[in-house]
Amino acid sequence: MFLFGFIISVAALVLTLLSNNFHNSIILVIIGLFFIINRNYLTPIINNFRDLELTGDLKAAKKFKIMHLLSVLLFVINFFLLILIIILNYTSYNL
């Protein structure tokens, strides 16, 4: 899911750069970075803490919850940034 989001954000970034829309380009770079951070950094850490939690490690259970919350927050931020892009495009083009 994160890789798909990254690929879509990069494709949208290319199209946005072709249309010379600087603000949307910056937002799409942020979205792409958040997807990659989620996929390549947070997900392995979250999985490790979850495995430790299943073995009974209580400290890992707390760390799992915190890291999972961070992952969900990044995903929600991406969602709102995409809504912002839709709003910016609507106001720019008066569709």
PDB file of N, CA and C in Angstrom:
ATOM      1  N   MET A   1       0.825  -1.182   0.000  1.00  0.00           N
ATOM      2  CA  MET A   1       0.000   0.000   0.000  1.00  0.00           C
ATOM      3  C   MET A   1       0.879   1.260   0.000  1.00  0.00           C
ATOM      4  N   PHE A   2       1.949   1.241   0.817  1.00  0.00           N
ATOM      5  CA  PHE A   2       2.816   2.419   0.862  1.00  0.00           C
ATOM      6  C   PHE A   2       3.589   2.581  -0.438  1.00  0.00           C
ATOM      7  N   LEU A   3       4.021   1.466  -1.022  1.00  0.00           N
ATOM      8  CA  LEU A   3       4.735   1.539  -2.289  1.00  0.00           C
ATOM      9  C   LEU A   3       3.814   2.059  -3.387  1.00  0.00           C
ATOM     10  N   PHE A   4       2.576   1.585  -3.408  1.00  0.00           N
ATOM     11  CA  PHE A   4       1.594   2.077  -4.379  1.00  0.00           C
ATOM     12  C   PHE A   4       1.376   3.582  -4.212  1.00  0.00           C
ATOM     13  N   GLY A   5       1.228   4.034  -2.973  1.00  0.00           N
ATOM     14  CA  GLY A   5       1.061   5.468  -2.712  1.00  0.00           C
ATOM     15  C   GLY A   5       2.250   6.272  -3.181  1.00  0.00           C
ATOM     16  N   PHE A   6       3.455   5.722  -2.976  1.00  0.00           N
ATOM     17  CA  PHE A   6       4.665   6.409  -3.431  1.00  0.00           C
ATOM     18  C   PHE A   6       4.690   6.507  -4.950  1.00  0.00           C
ATOM     19  N   ILE A   7       4.383   5.414  -5.628  1.00  0.00           N
ATOM     20  CA  ILE A   7       4.396   5.408  -7.101  1.00  0.00           C
ATOM     21  C   ILE A   7       3.376   6.395  -7.650  1.00  0.00           C
ATOM     22  N   ILE A   8       2.189   6.420  -7.073  1.00  0.00           N
ATOM     23  CA  ILE A   8       1.158   7.362  -7.524  1.00  0.00           C
ATOM     24  C   ILE A   8       1.587   8.805  -7.253  1.00  0.00           C
ATOM     25  N   SER A   9       2.203   9.058  -6.092  1.00  0.00           N
ATOM     26  CA  SER A   9       2.618  10.431  -5.791  1.00  0.00           C
ATOM     27  C   SER A   9       3.747  10.877  -6.723  1.00  0.00           C
ATOM     28  N   VAL A  10       4.639   9.975  -7.100  1.00  0.00           N
ATOM     29  CA  VAL A  10       5.704  10.333  -8.045  1.00  0.00           C
ATOM     30  C   VAL A  10       5.114  10.599  -9.427  1.00  0.00           C
ATOM     31  N   ALA A  11       4.168   9.781  -9.849  1.00  0.00           N
ATOM     32  CA  ALA A  11       3.517  10.017 -11.145  1.00  0.00           C
ATOM     33  C   ALA A  11       2.790  11.364 -11.143  1.00  0.00           C
ATOM     34  N   ALA A  12       2.092  11.654 -10.056  1.00  0.00           N
ATOM     35  CA  ALA A  12       1.406  12.945  -9.945  1.00  0.00           C
ATOM     36  C   ALA A  12       2.415  14.090  -9.903  1.00  0.00           C
ATOM     37  N   LEU A  13       3.558  13.856  -9.267  1.00  0.00           N
ATOM     38  CA  LEU A  13       4.601  14.882  -9.206  1.00  0.00           C
ATOM     39  C   LEU A  13       5.116  15.214 -10.600  1.00  0.00           C
ATOM     40  N   VAL A  14       5.342  14.199 -11.419  1.00  0.00           N
ATOM     41  CA  VAL A  14       5.811  14.430 -12.789  1.00  0.00           C
ATOM     42  C   VAL A  14       4.787  15.261 -13.559  1.00  0.00           C
ATOM     43  N   LEU A  15       3.525  14.895 -13.451  1.00  0.00           N
ATOM     44  CA  LEU A  15       2.479  15.653 -14.150  1.00  0.00           C
ATOM     45  C   LEU A  15       2.376  17.076 -13.613  1.00  0.00           C
ATOM     46  N   THR A  16       2.553  17.234 -12.309  1.00  0.00           N
ATOM     47  CA  THR A  16       2.484  18.564 -11.702  1.00  0.00           C
ATOM     48  C   THR A  16       3.658  19.424 -12.150  1.00  0.00           C
ATOM     49  N   LEU A  17       4.844  18.819 -12.252  1.00  0.00           N
ATOM     50  CA  LEU A  17       6.003  19.578 -12.724  1.00  0.00           C
ATOM     51  C   LEU A  17       5.818  20.015 -14.175  1.00  0.00           C
ATOM     52  N   LEU A  18       5.172  19.180 -14.975  1.00  0.00           N
ATOM     53  CA  LEU A  18       4.909  19.555 -16.367  1.00  0.00           C
ATOM     54  C   LEU A  18       3.941  20.725 -16.460  1.00  0.00           C
ATOM     55  N   SER A  19       3.063  20.864 -15.469  1.00  0.00           N
ATOM     56  CA  SER A  19       2.102  21.965 -15.482  1.00  0.00           C
ATOM     57  C   SER A  19       2.625  23.188 -14.724  1.00  0.00           C
ATOM     58  N   ASN A  20       3.875  23.136 -14.262  1.00  0.00           N
ATOM     59  CA  ASN A  20       4.516  24.256 -13.553  1.00  0.00           C
ATOM     60  C   ASN A  20       3.766  24.690 -12.303  1.00  0.00           C
ATOM     61  N   ASN A  21       3.239  23.722 -11.568  1.00  0.00           N
ATOM     62  CA  ASN A  21       2.530  24.030 -10.330  1.00  0.00           C
ATOM     63  C   ASN A  21       3.456  23.724  -9.160  1.00  0.00           C
ATOM     64  N   PHE A  22       4.146  24.766  -8.680  1.00  0.00           N
ATOM     65  CA  PHE A  22       5.185  24.607  -7.669  1.00  0.00           C
ATOM     66  C   PHE A  22       4.627  24.134  -6.330  1.00  0.00           C
ATOM     67  N   HIS A  23       3.525  24.715  -5.888  1.00  0.00           N
ATOM     68  CA  HIS A  23       2.966  24.369  -4.577  1.00  0.00           C
ATOM     69  C   HIS A  23       2.552  22.896  -4.502  1.00  0.00           C
ATOM     70  N   ASN A  24       1.875  22.427  -5.523  1.00  0.00           N
ATOM     71  CA  ASN A  24       1.476  21.025  -5.555  1.00  0.00           C
ATOM     72  C   ASN A  24       2.693  20.110  -5.624  1.00  0.00           C
ATOM     73  N   SER A  25       3.734  20.543  -6.323  1.00  0.00           N
ATOM     74  CA  SER A  25       4.949  19.740  -6.419  1.00  0.00           C
ATOM     75  C   SER A  25       5.578  19.536  -5.047  1.00  0.00           C
ATOM     76  N   ILE A  26       5.659  20.584  -4.268  1.00  0.00           N
ATOM     77  CA  ILE A  26       6.228  20.493  -2.920  1.00  0.00           C
ATOM     78  C   ILE A  26       5.385  19.555  -2.057  1.00  0.00           C
ATOM     79  N   ILE A  27       4.080  19.690  -2.120  1.00  0.00           N
ATOM     80  CA  ILE A  27       3.187  18.834  -1.335  1.00  0.00           C
ATOM     81  C   ILE A  27       3.358  17.372  -1.747  1.00  0.00           C
ATOM     82  N   LEU A  28       3.482  17.113  -3.047  1.00  0.00           N
ATOM     83  CA  LEU A  28       3.645  15.742  -3.524  1.00  0.00           C
ATOM     84  C   LEU A  28       4.994  15.146  -3.125  1.00  0.00           C
ATOM     85  N   VAL A  29       6.031  15.961  -3.050  1.00  0.00           N
ATOM     86  CA  VAL A  29       7.323  15.484  -2.550  1.00  0.00           C
ATOM     87  C   VAL A  29       7.191  15.054  -1.093  1.00  0.00           C
ATOM     88  N   ILE A  30       6.496  15.859  -0.301  1.00  0.00           N
ATOM     89  CA  ILE A  30       6.273  15.519   1.113  1.00  0.00           C
ATOM     90  C   ILE A  30       5.481  14.221   1.223  1.00  0.00           C
ATOM     91  N   ILE A  31       4.440  14.088   0.431  1.00  0.00           N
ATOM     92  CA  ILE A  31       3.621  12.861   0.443  1.00  0.00           C
ATOM     93  C   ILE A  31       4.476  11.651   0.087  1.00  0.00           C
ATOM     94  N   GLY A  32       5.274  11.770  -0.959  1.00  0.00           N
ATOM     95  CA  GLY A  32       6.145  10.671  -1.361  1.00  0.00           C
ATOM     96  C   GLY A  32       7.139  10.284  -0.272  1.00  0.00           C
ATOM     97  N   LEU A  33       7.714  11.288   0.381  1.00  0.00           N
ATOM     98  CA  LEU A  33       8.649  11.016   1.475  1.00  0.00           C
ATOM     99  C   LEU A  33       7.960  10.305   2.635  1.00  0.00           C
ATOM    100  N   PHE A  34       6.765  10.743   2.975  1.00  0.00           N
ATOM    101  CA  PHE A  34       6.030  10.101   4.073  1.00  0.00           C
ATOM    102  C   PHE A  34       5.715   8.642   3.742  1.00  0.00           C
ATOM    103  N   PHE A  35       5.364   8.359   2.492  1.00  0.00           N
ATOM    104  CA  PHE A  35       5.099   6.967   2.103  1.00  0.00           C
ATOM    105  C   PHE A  35       6.370   6.123   2.214  1.00  0.00           C
ATOM    106  N   ILE A  36       7.499   6.651   1.762  1.00  0.00           N
ATOM    107  CA  ILE A  36       8.754   5.909   1.835  1.00  0.00           C
ATOM    108  C   ILE A  36       9.201   5.722   3.279  1.00  0.00           C
ATOM    109  N   ILE A  37       9.070   6.758   4.104  1.00  0.00           N
ATOM    110  CA  ILE A  37       9.413   6.633   5.527  1.00  0.00           C
ATOM    111  C   ILE A  37       8.563   5.544   6.160  1.00  0.00           C
ATOM    112  N   ASN A  38       7.271   5.556   5.859  1.00  0.00           N
ATOM    113  CA  ASN A  38       6.368   4.557   6.402  1.00  0.00           C
ATOM    114  C   ASN A  38       6.769   3.150   5.964  1.00  0.00           C
ATOM    115  N   ARG A  39       7.067   2.990   4.698  1.00  0.00           N
ATOM    116  CA  ARG A  39       7.355   1.663   4.149  1.00  0.00           C
ATOM    117  C   ARG A  39       8.726   1.142   4.560  1.00  0.00           C
ATOM    118  N   ASN A  40       9.757   1.973   4.402  1.00  0.00           N
ATOM    119  CA  ASN A  40      11.129   1.496   4.566  1.00  0.00           C
ATOM    120  C   ASN A  40      11.672   1.624   5.984  1.00  0.00           C
ATOM    121  N   TYR A  41      11.125   2.516   6.771  1.00  0.00           N
ATOM    122  CA  TYR A  41      11.662   2.742   8.109  1.00  0.00           C
ATOM    123  C   TYR A  41      10.699   2.269   9.197  1.00  0.00           C
ATOM    124  N   LEU A  42       9.485   2.795   9.188  1.00  0.00           N
ATOM    125  CA  LEU A  42       8.557   2.507  10.283  1.00  0.00           C
ATOM    126  C   LEU A  42       8.004   1.090  10.264  1.00  0.00           C
ATOM    127  N   THR A  43       7.637   0.584   9.102  1.00  0.00           N
ATOM    128  CA  THR A  43       7.018  -0.742   9.038  1.00  0.00           C
ATOM    129  C   THR A  43       7.925  -1.846   9.576  1.00  0.00           C
ATOM    130  N   PRO A  44       9.219  -1.899   9.213  1.00  0.00           N
ATOM    131  CA  PRO A  44      10.064  -2.940   9.816  1.00  0.00           C
ATOM    132  C   PRO A  44      10.197  -2.801  11.335  1.00  0.00           C
ATOM    133  N   ILE A  45      10.278  -1.575  11.818  1.00  0.00           N
ATOM    134  CA  ILE A  45      10.377  -1.356  13.268  1.00  0.00           C
ATOM    135  C   ILE A  45       9.087  -1.799  13.957  1.00  0.00           C
ATOM    136  N   ILE A  46       7.966  -1.427  13.371  1.00  0.00           N
ATOM    137  CA  ILE A  46       6.668  -1.812  13.933  1.00  0.00           C
ATOM    138  C   ILE A  46       6.537  -3.328  13.968  1.00  0.00           C
ATOM    139  N   ASN A  47       6.914  -3.994  12.885  1.00  0.00           N
ATOM    140  CA  ASN A  47       6.832  -5.457  12.837  1.00  0.00           C
ATOM    141  C   ASN A  47       7.722  -6.103  13.894  1.00  0.00           C
ATOM    142  N   ASN A  48       8.906  -5.545  14.086  1.00  0.00           N
ATOM    143  CA  ASN A  48       9.826  -6.077  15.097  1.00  0.00           C
ATOM    144  C   ASN A  48       9.225  -5.928  16.505  1.00  0.00           C
ATOM    145  N   PHE A  49       8.708  -4.760  16.801  1.00  0.00           N
ATOM    146  CA  PHE A  49       8.097  -4.551  18.118  1.00  0.00           C
ATOM    147  C   PHE A  49       6.882  -5.446  18.313  1.00  0.00           C
ATOM    148  N   ARG A  50       6.133  -5.674  17.257  1.00  0.00           N
ATOM    149  CA  ARG A  50       4.959  -6.555  17.366  1.00  0.00           C
ATOM    150  C   ARG A  50       5.395  -7.993  17.652  1.00  0.00           C
ATOM    151  N   ASP A  51       6.450  -8.441  16.980  1.00  0.00           N
ATOM    152  CA  ASP A  51       6.958  -9.788  17.244  1.00  0.00           C
ATOM    153  C   ASP A  51       7.428  -9.924  18.689  1.00  0.00           C
ATOM    154  N   LEU A  52       8.125  -8.888  19.183  1.00  0.00           N
ATOM    155  CA  LEU A  52       8.577  -8.915  20.580  1.00  0.00           C
ATOM    156  C   LEU A  52       7.399  -8.877  21.545  1.00  0.00           C
ATOM    157  N   GLU A  53       6.375  -8.105  21.182  1.00  0.00           N
ATOM    158  CA  GLU A  53       5.178  -8.034  22.025  1.00  0.00           C
ATOM    159  C   GLU A  53       4.515  -9.406  22.138  1.00  0.00           C
ATOM    160  N   LEU A  54       4.475 -10.129  21.043  1.00  0.00           N
ATOM    161  CA  LEU A  54       3.846 -11.448  21.046  1.00  0.00           C
ATOM    162  C   LEU A  54       4.609 -12.457  21.899  1.00  0.00           C
ATOM    163  N   THR A  55       5.890 -12.175  22.149  1.00  0.00           N
ATOM    164  CA  THR A  55       6.666 -13.052  23.026  1.00  0.00           C
ATOM    165  C   THR A  55       6.521 -12.648  24.494  1.00  0.00           C
ATOM    166  N   GLY A  56       5.776 -11.561  24.747  1.00  0.00           N
ATOM    167  CA  GLY A  56       5.524 -11.151  26.126  1.00  0.00           C
ATOM    168  C   GLY A  56       6.297  -9.930  26.586  1.00  0.00           C
ATOM    169  N   ASP A  57       7.041  -9.287  25.710  1.00  0.00           N
ATOM    170  CA  ASP A  57       7.817  -8.104  26.070  1.00  0.00           C
ATOM    171  C   ASP A  57       6.882  -6.903  26.210  1.00  0.00           C
ATOM    172  N   LEU A  58       6.694  -6.431  27.450  1.00  0.00           N
ATOM    173  CA  LEU A  58       5.764  -5.329  27.698  1.00  0.00           C
ATOM    174  C   LEU A  58       6.290  -3.991  27.194  1.00  0.00           C
ATOM    175  N   LYS A  59       7.611  -3.788  27.249  1.00  0.00           N
ATOM    176  CA  LYS A  59       8.189  -2.542  26.724  1.00  0.00           C
ATOM    177  C   LYS A  59       7.994  -2.460  25.210  1.00  0.00           C
ATOM    178  N   ALA A  60       8.144  -3.590  24.563  1.00  0.00           N
ATOM    179  CA  ALA A  60       7.946  -3.626  23.107  1.00  0.00           C
ATOM    180  C   ALA A  60       6.496  -3.328  22.752  1.00  0.00           C
ATOM    181  N   ALA A  61       5.556  -3.746  23.617  1.00  0.00           N
ATOM    182  CA  ALA A  61       4.137  -3.485  23.357  1.00  0.00           C
ATOM    183  C   ALA A  61       3.866  -1.983  23.350  1.00  0.00           C
ATOM    184  N   LYS A  62       4.479  -1.274  24.288  1.00  0.00           N
ATOM    185  CA  LYS A  62       4.288   0.183  24.345  1.00  0.00           C
ATOM    186  C   LYS A  62       4.941   0.852  23.128  1.00  0.00           C
ATOM    187  N   LYS A  63       6.148   0.406  22.775  1.00  0.00           N
ATOM    188  CA  LYS A  63       6.837   0.978  21.614  1.00  0.00           C
ATOM    189  C   LYS A  63       6.070   0.676  20.328  1.00  0.00           C
ATOM    190  N   PHE A  64       5.490  -0.517  20.253  1.00  0.00           N
ATOM    191  CA  PHE A  64       4.683  -0.878  19.094  1.00  0.00           C
ATOM    192  C   PHE A  64       3.523   0.099  18.927  1.00  0.00           C
ATOM    193  N   LYS A  65       2.823   0.382  20.014  1.00  0.00           N
ATOM    194  CA  LYS A  65       1.673   1.291  19.941  1.00  0.00           C
ATOM    195  C   LYS A  65       2.096   2.681  19.503  1.00  0.00           C
ATOM    196  N   ILE A  66       3.212   3.161  20.011  1.00  0.00           N
ATOM    197  CA  ILE A  66       3.691   4.503  19.651  1.00  0.00           C
ATOM    198  C   ILE A  66       4.088   4.556  18.179  1.00  0.00           C
ATOM    199  N   MET A  67       4.855   3.565  17.736  1.00  0.00           N
ATOM    200  CA  MET A  67       5.301   3.563  16.339  1.00  0.00           C
ATOM    201  C   MET A  67       4.127   3.361  15.376  1.00  0.00           C
ATOM    202  N   HIS A  68       3.185   2.528  15.769  1.00  0.00           N
ATOM    203  CA  HIS A  68       2.007   2.321  14.925  1.00  0.00           C
ATOM    204  C   HIS A  68       1.202   3.608  14.829  1.00  0.00           C
ATOM    205  N   LEU A  69       1.065   4.318  15.942  1.00  0.00           N
ATOM    206  CA  LEU A  69       0.363   5.604  15.926  1.00  0.00           C
ATOM    207  C   LEU A  69       1.072   6.593  15.000  1.00  0.00           C
ATOM    208  N   LEU A  70       2.391   6.623  15.051  1.00  0.00           N
ATOM    209  CA  LEU A  70       3.151   7.507  14.166  1.00  0.00           C
ATOM    210  C   LEU A  70       2.910   7.153  12.701  1.00  0.00           C
ATOM    211  N   SER A  71       2.894   5.879  12.411  1.00  0.00           N
ATOM    212  CA  SER A  71       2.638   5.424  11.041  1.00  0.00           C
ATOM    213  C   SER A  71       1.253   5.851  10.578  1.00  0.00           C
ATOM    214  N   VAL A  72       0.266   5.674  11.425  1.00  0.00           N
ATOM    215  CA  VAL A  72      -1.109   6.067  11.081  1.00  0.00           C
ATOM    216  C   VAL A  72      -1.200   7.581  10.911  1.00  0.00           C
ATOM    217  N   LEU A  73      -0.516   8.332  11.760  1.00  0.00           N
ATOM    218  CA  LEU A  73      -0.528   9.795  11.630  1.00  0.00           C
ATOM    219  C   LEU A  73       0.067  10.242  10.298  1.00  0.00           C
ATOM    220  N   LEU A  74       1.169   9.632   9.889  1.00  0.00           N
ATOM    221  CA  LEU A  74       1.759   9.987   8.594  1.00  0.00           C
ATOM    222  C   LEU A  74       0.783   9.682   7.458  1.00  0.00           C
ATOM    223  N   PHE A  75       0.092   8.559   7.567  1.00  0.00           N
ATOM    224  CA  PHE A  75      -0.879   8.196   6.547  1.00  0.00           C
ATOM    225  C   PHE A  75      -2.037   9.203   6.504  1.00  0.00           C
ATOM    226  N   VAL A  76      -2.523   9.607   7.670  1.00  0.00           N
ATOM    227  CA  VAL A  76      -3.620  10.578   7.743  1.00  0.00           C
ATOM    228  C   VAL A  76      -3.162  11.939   7.217  1.00  0.00           C
ATOM    229  N   ILE A  77      -1.931  12.322   7.547  1.00  0.00           N
ATOM    230  CA  ILE A  77      -1.391  13.588   7.021  1.00  0.00           C
ATOM    231  C   ILE A  77      -1.353  13.538   5.499  1.00  0.00           C
ATOM    232  N   ASN A  78      -0.928  12.417   4.936  1.00  0.00           N
ATOM    233  CA  ASN A  78      -0.939  12.269   3.473  1.00  0.00           C
ATOM    234  C   ASN A  78      -2.339  12.448   2.913  1.00  0.00           C
ATOM    235  N   PHE A  79      -3.307  11.860   3.579  1.00  0.00           N
ATOM    236  CA  PHE A  79      -4.702  11.981   3.143  1.00  0.00           C
ATOM    237  C   PHE A  79      -5.130  13.451   3.100  1.00  0.00           C
ATOM    238  N   PHE A  80      -4.827  14.206   4.151  1.00  0.00           N
ATOM    239  CA  PHE A  80      -5.214  15.613   4.185  1.00  0.00           C
ATOM    240  C   PHE A  80      -4.413  16.448   3.184  1.00  0.00           C
ATOM    241  N   LEU A  81      -3.153  16.091   2.958  1.00  0.00           N
ATOM    242  CA  LEU A  81      -2.375  16.802   1.938  1.00  0.00           C
ATOM    243  C   LEU A  81      -2.949  16.576   0.546  1.00  0.00           C
ATOM    244  N   LEU A  82      -3.425  15.377   0.289  1.00  0.00           N
ATOM    245  CA  LEU A  82      -4.062  15.111  -1.000  1.00  0.00           C
ATOM    246  C   LEU A  82      -5.356  15.908  -1.155  1.00  0.00           C
ATOM    247  N   ILE A  83      -6.107  16.047  -0.075  1.00  0.00           N
ATOM    248  CA  ILE A  83      -7.309  16.892  -0.112  1.00  0.00           C
ATOM    249  C   ILE A  83      -6.911  18.337  -0.392  1.00  0.00           C
ATOM    250  N   LEU A  84      -5.812  18.790   0.212  1.00  0.00           N
ATOM    251  CA  LEU A  84      -5.321  20.148  -0.033  1.00  0.00           C
ATOM    252  C   LEU A  84      -4.983  20.339  -1.509  1.00  0.00           C
ATOM    253  N   ILE A  85      -4.359  19.348  -2.126  1.00  0.00           N
ATOM    254  CA  ILE A  85      -4.041  19.446  -3.556  1.00  0.00           C
ATOM    255  C   ILE A  85      -5.322  19.564  -4.379  1.00  0.00           C
ATOM    256  N   ILE A  86      -6.327  18.793  -4.038  1.00  0.00           N
ATOM    257  CA  ILE A  86      -7.610  18.879  -4.754  1.00  0.00           C
ATOM    258  C   ILE A  86      -8.190  20.279  -4.614  1.00  0.00           C
ATOM    259  N   ILE A  87      -8.154  20.831  -3.421  1.00  0.00           N
ATOM    260  CA  ILE A  87      -8.686  22.182  -3.186  1.00  0.00           C
ATOM    261  C   ILE A  87      -7.879  23.214  -3.969  1.00  0.00           C
ATOM    262  N   LEU A  88      -6.550  23.104  -3.931  1.00  0.00           N
ATOM    263  CA  LEU A  88      -5.703  24.057  -4.679  1.00  0.00           C
ATOM    264  C   LEU A  88      -5.977  23.967  -6.172  1.00  0.00           C
ATOM    265  N   ASN A  89      -6.146  22.754  -6.685  1.00  0.00           N
ATOM    266  CA  ASN A  89      -6.444  22.614  -8.112  1.00  0.00           C
ATOM    267  C   ASN A  89      -7.817  23.197  -8.437  1.00  0.00           C
ATOM    268  N   TYR A  90      -8.774  22.986  -7.575  1.00  0.00           N
ATOM    269  CA  TYR A  90     -10.117  23.522  -7.826  1.00  0.00           C
ATOM    270  C   TYR A  90     -10.097  25.036  -7.867  1.00  0.00           C
ATOM    271  N   THR A  91      -9.381  25.652  -6.898  1.00  0.00           N
ATOM    272  CA  THR A  91      -9.358  27.116  -6.869  1.00  0.00           C
ATOM    273  C   THR A  91      -8.509  27.686  -8.009  1.00  0.00           C
ATOM    274  N   SER A  92      -7.506  26.928  -8.471  1.00  0.00           N
ATOM    275  CA  SER A  92      -6.655  27.415  -9.555  1.00  0.00           C
ATOM    276  C   SER A  92      -7.340  27.333 -10.904  1.00  0.00           C
ATOM    277  N   TYR A  93      -8.119  26.308 -11.108  1.00  0.00           N
ATOM    278  CA  TYR A  93      -8.709  26.078 -12.425  1.00  0.00           C
ATOM    279  C   TYR A  93     -10.196  26.375 -12.499  1.00  0.00           C
ATOM    280  N   ASN A  94     -10.806  26.655 -11.356  1.00  0.00           N
ATOM    281  CA  ASN A  94     -12.250  26.936 -11.298  1.00  0.00           C
ATOM    282  C   ASN A  94     -13.052  25.905 -12.057  1.00  0.00           C
ATOM    283  N   LEU A  95     -12.841  24.652 -11.703  1.00  0.00           N
ATOM    284  CA  LEU A  95     -13.532  23.555 -12.399  1.00  0.00           C
ATOM    285  C   LEU A  95     -14.994  23.531 -12.050  1.00  0.00           C
TER     286      LEU A  95
END
